[in-house]
Structures are given as structure tokens and as C-alpha cells.
Amino acid sequence: MTDYNLREMYKPGFDELYLRFFQLDRLIQEYLPPLHAHFKELDMQPHMFASQWFLTLFTAKFPLFMVYRIIDIVLTEVLQIHTHHLAYNKCYYKLT
């Protein structure tokens, strides 16, 4: 979670979330110019269609088998961080 700065997206003010909307808008503009032009024509902003994706880690719109995989990846990374932290603490306290 820390590698992807996910925690910051849920903090009051949602500053990181708005940054992600801005980044998504620029990616669409760079890689899908016709789609970006169409969105501009409709006055459609990324927050209008992407907030649910970001806030639910993309799990709201995918088939269940894909959701399981996404959650597995997130939980695996979180557990790895905690495992490293626990190993460090165990080693540190043995030395002191």
C-alpha cells in the first residue's frame, strides 16, 4: 500500500485522489487524443467516471475472479511489509 501511496487517497481533502484524476486526464490526453477530445466536448471530467474505480481499488466494475486477484495482490503486499517490520523488530530487540 505504501508503494502505491494508496493510504493518501483516503485522507481528508482527497488531495492524492485529485492528483490521480489529473494524471488520468493527462494519460488519456496523451494516449487517446480522440477520446480526450470527446470528453472535452461533453465537458466530462475524470472524477465523473473514475472516482468509483479509485476509491474501490477497481473492484466495483470487474468480474469477481479479477476482484479476488486484485485483493490478493494488495493483501500480499501489506503482509510482506508487516512481515519485514516484525522481522526487523525481532532482530532489533535481540540485539539490545
Protein backbone atom coordinates (compact mmCIF):
# COMPACT_ATOMS: atom_id res chain seq x y z
CA MET A 1 0.00 0.00 0.00
CA THR A 2 2.82 2.38 0.72
CA ASP A 3 4.48 1.68 -2.63
CA TYR A 4 1.40 2.95 -4.43
CA ASN A 5 0.59 5.69 -1.91
CA LEU A 6 -2.95 4.31 -1.56
CA ARG A 7 -3.42 5.47 2.02
CA GLU A 8 -3.05 9.08 0.93
CA MET A 9 -6.06 8.81 -1.38
CA TYR A 10 -8.39 8.39 1.58
CA LYS A 11 -7.12 11.23 3.76
CA PRO A 12 -9.37 14.26 4.38
CA GLY A 13 -9.42 16.57 1.39
CA PHE A 14 -8.64 13.71 -1.02
CA ASP A 15 -5.63 15.60 -2.41
CA GLU A 16 -3.94 12.44 -3.67
CA LEU A 17 -7.18 11.28 -5.30
CA TYR A 18 -7.46 14.56 -7.20
CA LEU A 19 -3.85 14.16 -8.29
CA ARG A 20 -4.77 10.72 -9.70
CA PHE A 21 -7.69 12.28 -11.60
CA PHE A 22 -5.32 14.85 -13.08
CA GLN A 23 -2.83 12.11 -14.04
CA LEU A 24 -5.59 10.04 -15.64
CA ASP A 25 -6.73 13.06 -17.63
CA ARG A 26 -3.19 13.64 -18.92
CA LEU A 27 -2.74 9.97 -19.80
CA ILE A 28 -5.98 9.97 -21.78
CA GLN A 29 -4.91 13.18 -23.48
CA GLU A 30 -1.53 11.72 -24.44
CA TYR A 31 -2.51 8.18 -25.41
CA LEU A 32 -6.14 8.55 -26.51
CA PRO A 33 -6.47 12.03 -28.03
CA PRO A 34 -9.81 11.36 -29.79
CA LEU A 35 -11.36 10.14 -26.53
CA HIS A 36 -9.94 13.12 -24.67
CA ALA A 37 -11.41 15.48 -27.28
CA HIS A 38 -14.77 13.74 -26.97
CA PHE A 39 -14.72 14.08 -23.18
CA LYS A 40 -13.83 17.77 -23.56
CA GLU A 41 -16.74 18.23 -25.97
CA LEU A 42 -19.09 16.70 -23.39
CA ASP A 43 -17.41 18.65 -20.57
CA MET A 44 -16.73 15.34 -18.83
CA GLN A 45 -14.05 15.33 -16.14
CA PRO A 46 -12.25 12.16 -14.89
CA HIS A 47 -13.80 12.45 -11.43
CA MET A 48 -17.21 11.90 -13.05
CA PHE A 49 -16.35 8.38 -14.15
CA ALA A 50 -13.20 7.32 -12.27
CA SER A 51 -13.87 8.08 -8.60
CA GLN A 52 -15.54 4.73 -8.01
CA TRP A 53 -12.61 2.95 -9.69
CA PHE A 54 -10.00 4.60 -7.50
CA LEU A 55 -11.91 4.51 -4.22
CA THR A 56 -12.77 0.82 -4.55
CA LEU A 57 -9.35 -0.17 -5.98
CA PHE A 58 -11.09 -1.03 -9.26
CA THR A 59 -13.06 -3.84 -7.63
CA ALA A 60 -16.52 -2.36 -8.25
CA LYS A 61 -16.52 -2.94 -12.02
CA PHE A 62 -14.59 -6.14 -12.58
CA PRO A 63 -15.70 -9.78 -12.62
CA LEU A 64 -15.37 -11.50 -9.26
CA PHE A 65 -12.37 -13.66 -10.25
CA MET A 66 -10.48 -10.46 -11.12
CA VAL A 67 -11.50 -8.80 -7.85
CA TYR A 68 -10.11 -11.76 -5.92
CA ARG A 69 -6.79 -11.35 -7.71
CA ILE A 70 -6.63 -7.60 -7.02
CA ILE A 71 -7.37 -8.11 -3.32
CA ASP A 72 -4.80 -10.94 -3.17
CA ILE A 73 -2.12 -8.64 -4.56
CA VAL A 74 -2.94 -5.81 -2.16
CA LEU A 75 -3.07 -8.09 0.87
CA THR A 76 0.13 -9.88 -0.12
CA GLU A 77 1.99 -6.59 -0.31
CA VAL A 78 0.58 -5.43 3.03
CA LEU A 79 1.53 -8.72 4.68
CA GLN A 80 5.05 -8.53 3.24
CA ILE A 81 5.50 -5.07 4.73
CA HIS A 82 4.29 -6.24 8.14
CA THR A 83 6.42 -9.40 7.99
CA HIS A 84 9.54 -7.35 7.26
CA HIS A 85 8.64 -4.96 10.06
CA LEU A 86 8.14 -7.81 12.53
CA ALA A 87 11.42 -9.46 11.50
CA TYR A 88 13.25 -6.16 11.93
CA ASN A 89 11.75 -5.61 15.39
CA LYS A 90 12.60 -9.15 16.47
CA CYS A 91 16.18 -8.74 15.29
CA TYR A 92 16.49 -5.26 16.83
CA TYR A 93 15.22 -6.28 20.24
CA LYS A 94 17.51 -9.34 20.29
CA LEU A 95 20.49 -7.04 19.81
CA THR A 96 19.52 -4.59 22.56
